């Protein structure tokens, strides 16, 4: 006994000018096979999250992404770094992309730097591109460089000088 779907499928296959199912499958399958290959180099893993009750004394280094909500006393190097609202970092920060929502005490170096309206930064910022939202608190100097992550390519910025101390001596 024939079902209605089999009759329809048989008619589609034998219809003049209509492509057979076997002819239509390779173009449909080819993009599916190419998609994972093209997406593989761009695959990003989930960021490592350091919770608000965590305190670390020491340096952090990763090739991936990090989101900090706790306290770090040391230098941080990452690909993308997000400093959360409750976070405090005391040390130098180096990352391709830095998003500051919390507090940083120390030098900040990044290709893309963004200070949100809740950010509090006390230190120098060396960047390629920077965005500072209204309400952000920043004390220090800002310097643009083509490659802010290059080691040795950055001269130390002078601390604010007190002219009165030199005149008294």
C-alpha atoms as a PDB file:
ATOM      1  CA  UNK A   1       0.000   0.000   0.000  1.00  0.00           C
ATOM      2  CA  UNK A   2       1.262   3.454  -0.861  1.00  0.00           C
ATOM      3  CA  UNK A   3       1.226   6.426   1.467  1.00  0.00           C
ATOM      4  CA  UNK A   4       0.583   9.959   0.282  1.00  0.00           C
ATOM      5  CA  UNK A   5       4.149  11.075   1.071  1.00  0.00           C
ATOM      6  CA  UNK A   6       5.641   8.344  -1.064  1.00  0.00           C
ATOM      7  CA  UNK A   7       3.484   9.342  -4.002  1.00  0.00           C
ATOM      8  CA  UNK A   8       4.593  12.976  -3.605  1.00  0.00           C
ATOM      9  CA  UNK A   9       8.262  12.038  -3.352  1.00  0.00           C
ATOM     10  CA  UNK A  10       8.005   9.838  -6.410  1.00  0.00           C
ATOM     11  CA  UNK A  11       6.366  12.613  -8.388  1.00  0.00           C
ATOM     12  CA  UNK A  12       9.045  15.147  -7.411  1.00  0.00           C
ATOM     13  CA  UNK A  13      11.800  12.825  -8.527  1.00  0.00           C
ATOM     14  CA  UNK A  14      10.263  12.113 -11.898  1.00  0.00           C
ATOM     15  CA  UNK A  15       9.048  15.610 -12.684  1.00  0.00           C
ATOM     16  CA  UNK A  16      10.783  16.999 -15.742  1.00  0.00           C
ATOM     17  CA  UNK A  17      13.217  19.834 -15.040  1.00  0.00           C
ATOM     18  CA  UNK A  18      13.214  19.266 -11.246  1.00  0.00           C
ATOM     19  CA  UNK A  19      16.551  18.253  -9.719  1.00  0.00           C
ATOM     20  CA  UNK A  20      16.744  14.862  -8.080  1.00  0.00           C
ATOM     21  CA  UNK A  21      17.255  14.769  -4.300  1.00  0.00           C
ATOM     22  CA  UNK A  22      20.746  13.343  -4.733  1.00  0.00           C
ATOM     23  CA  UNK A  23      21.676  16.320  -6.931  1.00  0.00           C
ATOM     24  CA  UNK A  24      20.349  18.852  -4.405  1.00  0.00           C
ATOM     25  CA  UNK A  25      22.154  17.394  -1.371  1.00  0.00           C
ATOM     26  CA  UNK A  26      25.810  18.245  -2.145  1.00  0.00           C
ATOM     27  CA  UNK A  27      25.275  22.053  -2.292  1.00  0.00           C
ATOM     28  CA  UNK A  28      23.327  21.935   0.988  1.00  0.00           C
ATOM     29  CA  UNK A  29      25.903  19.780   2.768  1.00  0.00           C
ATOM     30  CA  UNK A  30      28.979  21.650   1.501  1.00  0.00           C
ATOM     31  CA  UNK A  31      28.341  24.866   3.483  1.00  0.00           C
ATOM     32  CA  UNK A  32      27.682  22.809   6.634  1.00  0.00           C
ATOM     33  CA  UNK A  33      31.059  21.132   6.290  1.00  0.00           C
ATOM     34  CA  UNK A  34      32.864  24.432   5.646  1.00  0.00           C
ATOM     35  CA  UNK A  35      31.260  26.312   8.570  1.00  0.00           C
ATOM     36  CA  UNK A  36      33.058  24.452  11.416  1.00  0.00           C
ATOM     37  CA  UNK A  37      36.413  24.760   9.627  1.00  0.00           C
ATOM     38  CA  UNK A  38      36.033  28.518   9.194  1.00  0.00           C
ATOM     39  CA  UNK A  39      34.706  29.022  12.749  1.00  0.00           C
ATOM     40  CA  UNK A  40      37.445  26.983  14.456  1.00  0.00           C
ATOM     41  CA  UNK A  41      40.139  29.732  14.595  1.00  0.00           C
ATOM     42  CA  UNK A  42      37.619  32.262  15.923  1.00  0.00           C
ATOM     43  CA  UNK A  43      36.306  29.977  18.686  1.00  0.00           C
ATOM     44  CA  UNK A  44      36.468  31.656  22.105  1.00  0.00           C
ATOM     45  CA  UNK A  45      36.208  29.819  25.349  1.00  0.00           C
ATOM     46  CA  UNK A  46      34.190  31.143  28.256  1.00  0.00           C
ATOM     47  CA  UNK A  47      36.053  33.659  30.427  1.00  0.00           C
ATOM     48  CA  UNK A  48      37.545  32.598  33.739  1.00  0.00           C
ATOM     49  CA  UNK A  49      35.589  34.317  36.507  1.00  0.00           C
ATOM     50  CA  UNK A  50      37.181  35.243  39.828  1.00  0.00           C
ATOM     51  CA  UNK A  51      34.315  35.798  42.267  1.00  0.00           C
ATOM     52  CA  UNK A  52      33.876  38.741  44.619  1.00  0.00           C
ATOM     53  CA  UNK A  53      34.870  36.725  47.727  1.00  0.00           C
ATOM     54  CA  UNK A  54      38.243  35.772  46.200  1.00  0.00           C
ATOM     55  CA  UNK A  55      41.532  37.560  47.004  1.00  0.00           C
ATOM     56  CA  UNK A  56      44.691  36.703  45.087  1.00  0.00           C
ATOM     57  CA  UNK A  57      48.183  37.878  46.014  1.00  0.00           C
ATOM     58  CA  UNK A  58      50.401  37.245  43.022  1.00  0.00           C
ATOM     59  CA  UNK A  59      50.511  37.632  39.266  1.00  0.00           C
ATOM     60  CA  UNK A  60      47.874  36.303  36.865  1.00  0.00           C
ATOM     61  CA  UNK A  61      48.705  35.310  33.288  1.00  0.00           C
ATOM     62  CA  UNK A  62      46.478  33.721  30.656  1.00  0.00           C
ATOM     63  CA  UNK A  63      46.055  33.629  26.891  1.00  0.00           C
ATOM     64  CA  UNK A  64      42.290  33.698  27.379  1.00  0.00           C
ATOM     65  CA  UNK A  65      39.636  35.957  28.843  1.00  0.00           C
ATOM     66  CA  UNK A  66      39.274  36.816  32.533  1.00  0.00           C
ATOM     67  CA  UNK A  67      36.506  38.495  34.487  1.00  0.00           C
ATOM     68  CA  UNK A  68      37.510  39.725  37.934  1.00  0.00           C
ATOM     69  CA  UNK A  69      35.006  40.492  40.662  1.00  0.00           C
ATOM     70  CA  UNK A  70      37.338  40.044  43.664  1.00  0.00           C
ATOM     71  CA  UNK A  71      40.669  41.551  44.739  1.00  0.00           C
ATOM     72  CA  UNK A  72      43.991  41.008  42.961  1.00  0.00           C
ATOM     73  CA  UNK A  73      47.304  42.228  44.358  1.00  0.00           C
ATOM     74  CA  UNK A  74      49.697  41.649  41.485  1.00  0.00           C
ATOM     75  CA  UNK A  75      50.123  42.078  37.749  1.00  0.00           C
ATOM     76  CA  UNK A  76      47.586  40.698  35.270  1.00  0.00           C
ATOM     77  CA  UNK A  77      48.163  39.699  31.647  1.00  0.00           C
ATOM     78  CA  UNK A  78      45.251  38.427  29.534  1.00  0.00           C
ATOM     79  CA  UNK A  79      43.677  38.643  26.083  1.00  0.00           C
ATOM     80  CA  UNK A  80      40.459  40.233  27.316  1.00  0.00           C
ATOM     81  CA  UNK A  81      40.096  41.467  30.884  1.00  0.00           C
ATOM     82  CA  UNK A  82      36.902  42.654  32.501  1.00  0.00           C
ATOM     83  CA  UNK A  83      37.234  44.254  35.913  1.00  0.00           C
ATOM     84  CA  UNK A  84      33.821  44.046  37.549  1.00  0.00           C
ATOM     85  CA  UNK A  85      32.014  46.595  39.727  1.00  0.00           C
ATOM     86  CA  UNK A  86      33.156  44.930  42.970  1.00  0.00           C
ATOM     87  CA  UNK A  87      36.744  44.285  41.836  1.00  0.00           C
ATOM     88  CA  UNK A  88      39.970  45.945  42.956  1.00  0.00           C
ATOM     89  CA  UNK A  89      43.276  45.412  41.150  1.00  0.00           C
ATOM     90  CA  UNK A  90      46.561  46.647  42.623  1.00  0.00           C
ATOM     91  CA  UNK A  91      49.246  46.168  39.997  1.00  0.00           C
ATOM     92  CA  UNK A  92      49.953  46.499  36.292  1.00  0.00           C
ATOM     93  CA  UNK A  93      47.285  45.374  33.841  1.00  0.00           C
ATOM     94  CA  UNK A  94      48.199  44.261  30.282  1.00  0.00           C
ATOM     95  CA  UNK A  95      45.523  43.011  27.895  1.00  0.00           C
ATOM     96  CA  UNK A  96      44.409  43.317  24.299  1.00  0.00           C
ATOM     97  CA  UNK A  97      41.044  44.561  25.517  1.00  0.00           C
ATOM     98  CA  UNK A  98      40.402  45.989  28.994  1.00  0.00           C
ATOM     99  CA  UNK A  99      36.971  46.889  30.340  1.00  0.00           C
ATOM    100  CA  UNK A 100      37.062  48.593  33.735  1.00  0.00           C
ATOM    101  CA  UNK A 101      33.917  48.781  35.821  1.00  0.00           C
ATOM    102  CA  UNK A 102      35.667  48.603  39.211  1.00  0.00           C
ATOM    103  CA  UNK A 103      38.922  49.925  40.671  1.00  0.00           C
ATOM    104  CA  UNK A 104      42.487  49.744  39.335  1.00  0.00           C
ATOM    105  CA  UNK A 105      45.496  51.073  41.216  1.00  0.00           C
ATOM    106  CA  UNK A 106      48.463  50.859  38.854  1.00  0.00           C
ATOM    107  CA  UNK A 107      49.389  51.133  35.204  1.00  0.00           C
ATOM    108  CA  UNK A 108      46.890  49.952  32.622  1.00  0.00           C
ATOM    109  CA  UNK A 109      48.097  48.927  29.139  1.00  0.00           C
ATOM    110  CA  UNK A 110      45.765  47.752  26.410  1.00  0.00           C
ATOM    111  CA  UNK A 111      45.009  47.973  22.736  1.00  0.00           C
ATOM    112  CA  UNK A 112      41.360  48.760  23.474  1.00  0.00           C
ATOM    113  CA  UNK A 113      40.607  50.318  26.857  1.00  0.00           C
ATOM    114  CA  UNK A 114      37.147  51.225  28.117  1.00  0.00           C
ATOM    115  CA  UNK A 115      36.392  52.905  31.427  1.00  0.00           C
ATOM    116  CA  UNK A 116      32.725  52.613  32.325  1.00  0.00           C
ATOM    117  CA  UNK A 117      30.861  55.179  34.393  1.00  0.00           C
ATOM    118  CA  UNK A 118      31.605  53.184  37.596  1.00  0.00           C
ATOM    119  CA  UNK A 119      35.374  52.875  36.936  1.00  0.00           C
ATOM    120  CA  UNK A 120      37.992  54.259  39.344  1.00  0.00           C
ATOM    121  CA  UNK A 121      41.523  54.221  37.922  1.00  0.00           C
ATOM    122  CA  UNK A 122      44.572  55.583  39.754  1.00  0.00           C
ATOM    123  CA  UNK A 123      47.499  55.220  37.397  1.00  0.00           C
ATOM    124  CA  UNK A 124      48.718  55.758  33.874  1.00  0.00           C
ATOM    125  CA  UNK A 125      46.854  54.395  30.867  1.00  0.00           C
ATOM    126  CA  UNK A 126      48.745  53.416  27.718  1.00  0.00           C
ATOM    127  CA  UNK A 127      46.427  52.492  24.855  1.00  0.00           C
ATOM    128  CA  UNK A 128      45.782  52.368  21.141  1.00  0.00           C
ATOM    129  CA  UNK A 129      42.089  53.256  21.481  1.00  0.00           C
ATOM    130  CA  UNK A 130      40.283  54.453  24.603  1.00  0.00           C
ATOM    131  CA  UNK A 131      36.717  55.192  25.639  1.00  0.00           C
ATOM    132  CA  UNK A 132      35.890  56.927  28.912  1.00  0.00           C
ATOM    133  CA  UNK A 133      32.249  57.130  29.907  1.00  0.00           C
ATOM    134  CA  UNK A 134      30.837  60.086  31.770  1.00  0.00           C
ATOM    135  CA  UNK A 135      31.148  59.523  35.513  1.00  0.00           C
ATOM    136  CA  UNK A 136      34.378  57.512  35.392  1.00  0.00           C
ATOM    137  CA  UNK A 137      37.026  58.558  37.938  1.00  0.00           C
ATOM    138  CA  UNK A 138      40.575  58.717  36.571  1.00  0.00           C
ATOM    139  CA  UNK A 139      43.792  60.062  38.090  1.00  0.00           C
ATOM    140  CA  UNK A 140      46.925  59.714  35.999  1.00  0.00           C
ATOM    141  CA  UNK A 141      48.134  60.313  32.494  1.00  0.00           C
ATOM    142  CA  UNK A 142      46.986  58.918  29.175  1.00  0.00           C
ATOM    143  CA  UNK A 143      49.363  58.012  26.364  1.00  0.00           C
ATOM    144  CA  UNK A 144      48.478  56.649  22.927  1.00  0.00           C
ATOM    145  CA  UNK A 145      50.808  54.138  21.267  1.00  0.00           C
ATOM    146  CA  UNK A 146      50.490  51.932  18.195  1.00  0.00           C
ATOM    147  CA  UNK A 147      51.559  48.878  20.207  1.00  0.00           C
ATOM    148  CA  UNK A 148      50.906  49.527  23.897  1.00  0.00           C
ATOM    149  CA  UNK A 149      51.670  45.914  24.846  1.00  0.00           C
ATOM    150  CA  UNK A 150      55.242  45.967  23.515  1.00  0.00           C
ATOM    151  CA  UNK A 151      57.746  45.364  26.287  1.00  0.00           C
ATOM    152  CA  UNK A 152      60.489  47.946  26.535  1.00  0.00           C
ATOM    153  CA  UNK A 153      58.800  50.184  23.964  1.00  0.00           C
ATOM    154  CA  UNK A 154      57.125  52.216  26.675  1.00  0.00           C
ATOM    155  CA  UNK A 155      59.015  54.829  28.570  1.00  0.00           C
ATOM    156  CA  UNK A 156      58.019  55.221  32.191  1.00  0.00           C
ATOM    157  CA  UNK A 157      55.816  58.212  32.596  1.00  0.00           C
ATOM    158  CA  UNK A 158      57.133  60.682  35.132  1.00  0.00           C
ATOM    159  CA  UNK A 159      55.223  60.977  38.389  1.00  0.00           C
ATOM    160  CA  UNK A 160      53.646  64.342  39.117  1.00  0.00           C
ATOM    161  CA  UNK A 161      56.446  66.650  40.205  1.00  0.00           C
ATOM    162  CA  UNK A 162      56.320  68.967  43.156  1.00  0.00           C
ATOM    163  CA  UNK A 163      58.176  72.112  42.169  1.00  0.00           C
ATOM    164  CA  UNK A 164      58.078  73.485  45.725  1.00  0.00           C
ATOM    165  CA  UNK A 165      60.271  70.634  47.042  1.00  0.00           C
ATOM    166  CA  UNK A 166      63.010  71.435  44.492  1.00  0.00           C
ATOM    167  CA  UNK A 167      62.990  75.145  45.257  1.00  0.00           C
ATOM    168  CA  UNK A 168      63.366  74.586  49.011  1.00  0.00           C
ATOM    169  CA  UNK A 169      66.530  72.456  48.668  1.00  0.00           C
END
